[in-house]
Amino acid sequence: MLIPHPLLGLRDSQEFTYLGDASLMQRPDPSLDNAEAAFCDYVFLRDNPAGVHRELWFHEQGDRSWLVVTRDTITHEILGAELVSDVKGAAK
């Protein structure tokens, strides 16, 4: 499987470490009243979708960048990849 790295071009997925759902970038606010329950859900409850999904991948054997990869979990087709810094910057 090839991942289209935004800076380095196509890279083999074996250069990367998969972390999981890209929603992990949205950590719960620890100052909220329900912070303990929110963090419990954040750490232990994960969706396992079939179809198009956004995931976090770390380029461990390369430039050590974090990517948000859009992948179809049924076919493993990679639909795109963005730097996490660009995704977080666009969310502001």
C-alpha atoms as a PDB file:
ATOM      1  CA  MET A   1       0.000   0.000   0.000  1.00  0.00           C
ATOM      2  CA  LEU A   2       1.411   3.393  -0.994  1.00  0.00           C
ATOM      3  CA  ILE A   3       0.723   6.570   0.977  1.00  0.00           C
ATOM      4  CA  PRO A   4       0.897   9.895  -0.926  1.00  0.00           C
ATOM      5  CA  HIS A   5       3.038  11.908   1.505  1.00  0.00           C
ATOM      6  CA  PRO A   6       2.334  15.633   0.904  1.00  0.00           C
ATOM      7  CA  LEU A   7       6.050  16.524   1.028  1.00  0.00           C
ATOM      8  CA  LEU A   8       7.852  13.365  -0.111  1.00  0.00           C
ATOM      9  CA  GLY A   9       5.507  11.829  -2.668  1.00  0.00           C
ATOM     10  CA  LEU A  10       4.443   8.186  -2.696  1.00  0.00           C
ATOM     11  CA  ARG A  11       5.893   6.204   0.219  1.00  0.00           C
ATOM     12  CA  ASP A  12       5.470   2.549   1.172  1.00  0.00           C
ATOM     13  CA  SER A  13       3.115   2.095   4.136  1.00  0.00           C
ATOM     14  CA  GLN A  14       5.802  -0.006   5.875  1.00  0.00           C
ATOM     15  CA  GLU A  15       7.671   3.260   6.579  1.00  0.00           C
ATOM     16  CA  PHE A  16       4.728   4.373   8.750  1.00  0.00           C
ATOM     17  CA  THR A  17       3.200   3.445  12.080  1.00  0.00           C
ATOM     18  CA  TYR A  18      -0.587   3.433  12.232  1.00  0.00           C
ATOM     19  CA  LEU A  19      -2.107   5.111  15.312  1.00  0.00           C
ATOM     20  CA  GLY A  20      -5.843   4.995  14.698  1.00  0.00           C
ATOM     21  CA  ASP A  21      -8.823   7.231  14.158  1.00  0.00           C
ATOM     22  CA  ALA A  22      -7.934  10.845  13.311  1.00  0.00           C
ATOM     23  CA  SER A  23     -10.574  12.019  15.785  1.00  0.00           C
ATOM     24  CA  LEU A  24      -7.897  11.331  18.447  1.00  0.00           C
ATOM     25  CA  MET A  25      -6.636  14.837  17.651  1.00  0.00           C
ATOM     26  CA  GLN A  26      -9.717  16.224  19.448  1.00  0.00           C
ATOM     27  CA  ARG A  27      -8.863  15.490  23.074  1.00  0.00           C
ATOM     28  CA  PRO A  28     -11.544  16.181  25.679  1.00  0.00           C
ATOM     29  CA  ASP A  29     -11.256  19.355  27.721  1.00  0.00           C
ATOM     30  CA  PRO A  30      -9.879  18.320  31.162  1.00  0.00           C
ATOM     31  CA  SER A  31     -11.549  21.293  32.848  1.00  0.00           C
ATOM     32  CA  LEU A  32     -15.102  20.108  32.099  1.00  0.00           C
ATOM     33  CA  ASP A  33     -17.289  18.544  34.794  1.00  0.00           C
ATOM     34  CA  ASN A  34     -17.490  15.237  32.895  1.00  0.00           C
ATOM     35  CA  ALA A  35     -13.743  15.154  32.073  1.00  0.00           C
ATOM     36  CA  GLU A  36     -13.123  11.735  33.616  1.00  0.00           C
ATOM     37  CA  ALA A  37     -15.911  10.055  31.647  1.00  0.00           C
ATOM     38  CA  ALA A  38     -14.922  11.935  28.486  1.00  0.00           C
ATOM     39  CA  PHE A  39     -11.300  10.776  28.778  1.00  0.00           C
ATOM     40  CA  CYS A  40     -12.434   7.207  29.470  1.00  0.00           C
ATOM     41  CA  ASP A  41     -14.461   7.275  26.238  1.00  0.00           C
ATOM     42  CA  TYR A  42     -11.586   8.968  24.384  1.00  0.00           C
ATOM     43  CA  VAL A  43      -9.087   6.280  25.418  1.00  0.00           C
ATOM     44  CA  PHE A  44     -11.180   3.105  25.329  1.00  0.00           C
ATOM     45  CA  LEU A  45     -14.135   3.561  22.961  1.00  0.00           C
ATOM     46  CA  ARG A  46     -13.303   3.472  19.262  1.00  0.00           C
ATOM     47  CA  ASP A  47     -15.394   3.110  16.145  1.00  0.00           C
ATOM     48  CA  ASN A  48     -14.426   0.423  13.664  1.00  0.00           C
ATOM     49  CA  PRO A  49     -16.019   1.743  10.470  1.00  0.00           C
ATOM     50  CA  ALA A  50     -16.315  -0.020   7.149  1.00  0.00           C
ATOM     51  CA  GLY A  51     -15.681   2.384   4.290  1.00  0.00           C
ATOM     52  CA  VAL A  52     -13.972   5.752   4.020  1.00  0.00           C
ATOM     53  CA  HIS A  53     -12.178   6.707   7.231  1.00  0.00           C
ATOM     54  CA  ARG A  54      -9.603   9.310   8.356  1.00  0.00           C
ATOM     55  CA  GLU A  55      -6.626   7.864  10.238  1.00  0.00           C
ATOM     56  CA  LEU A  56      -3.420   9.033  11.928  1.00  0.00           C
ATOM     57  CA  TRP A  57      -0.154   7.675  10.545  1.00  0.00           C
ATOM     58  CA  PHE A  58       3.383   8.504  11.772  1.00  0.00           C
ATOM     59  CA  HIS A  59       6.250   8.498   9.233  1.00  0.00           C
ATOM     60  CA  GLU A  60       8.581   6.677  11.607  1.00  0.00           C
ATOM     61  CA  GLN A  61      11.142   5.578   9.015  1.00  0.00           C
ATOM     62  CA  GLY A  62      11.180   8.877   7.173  1.00  0.00           C
ATOM     63  CA  ASP A  63      10.801  12.519   8.097  1.00  0.00           C
ATOM     64  CA  ARG A  64       8.921  11.677  11.361  1.00  0.00           C
ATOM     65  CA  SER A  65       5.865  13.654  10.315  1.00  0.00           C
ATOM     66  CA  TRP A  66       2.280  12.924  11.332  1.00  0.00           C
ATOM     67  CA  LEU A  67      -0.294  12.478   8.561  1.00  0.00           C
ATOM     68  CA  VAL A  68      -4.058  12.277   8.382  1.00  0.00           C
ATOM     69  CA  VAL A  69      -4.653   9.588   5.773  1.00  0.00           C
ATOM     70  CA  THR A  70      -8.077   9.102   4.197  1.00  0.00           C
ATOM     71  CA  ARG A  71      -8.473   5.404   3.443  1.00  0.00           C
ATOM     72  CA  ASP A  72     -11.257   3.057   2.442  1.00  0.00           C
ATOM     73  CA  THR A  73     -11.121   0.318   5.092  1.00  0.00           C
ATOM     74  CA  ILE A  74     -12.882  -2.154   2.794  1.00  0.00           C
ATOM     75  CA  THR A  75     -10.552  -1.904  -0.219  1.00  0.00           C
ATOM     76  CA  HIS A  76      -7.512  -0.329   1.552  1.00  0.00           C
ATOM     77  CA  GLU A  77      -7.451   2.298  -1.205  1.00  0.00           C
ATOM     78  CA  ILE A  78      -5.700   5.470  -0.053  1.00  0.00           C
ATOM     79  CA  LEU A  79      -7.767   8.481  -1.102  1.00  0.00           C
ATOM     80  CA  GLY A  80      -5.417  11.189   0.183  1.00  0.00           C
ATOM     81  CA  ALA A  81      -3.057  12.337   2.908  1.00  0.00           C
ATOM     82  CA  GLU A  82      -2.479  15.647   4.686  1.00  0.00           C
ATOM     83  CA  LEU A  83      -0.002  16.821   7.282  1.00  0.00           C
ATOM     84  CA  VAL A  84      -1.582  16.931  10.743  1.00  0.00           C
ATOM     85  CA  SER A  85      -0.312  20.505  11.139  1.00  0.00           C
ATOM     86  CA  ASP A  86      -2.304  21.517   8.043  1.00  0.00           C
ATOM     87  CA  VAL A  87      -5.454  19.758   9.290  1.00  0.00           C
ATOM     88  CA  LYS A  88      -5.198  21.342  12.755  1.00  0.00           C
ATOM     89  CA  GLY A  89      -4.456  24.765  11.197  1.00  0.00           C
ATOM     90  CA  ALA A  90      -7.546  24.535   8.993  1.00  0.00           C
ATOM     91  CA  ALA A  91      -9.707  23.670  12.016  1.00  0.00           C
ATOM     92  CA  LYS A  92      -8.906  26.972  13.766  1.00  0.00           C
END
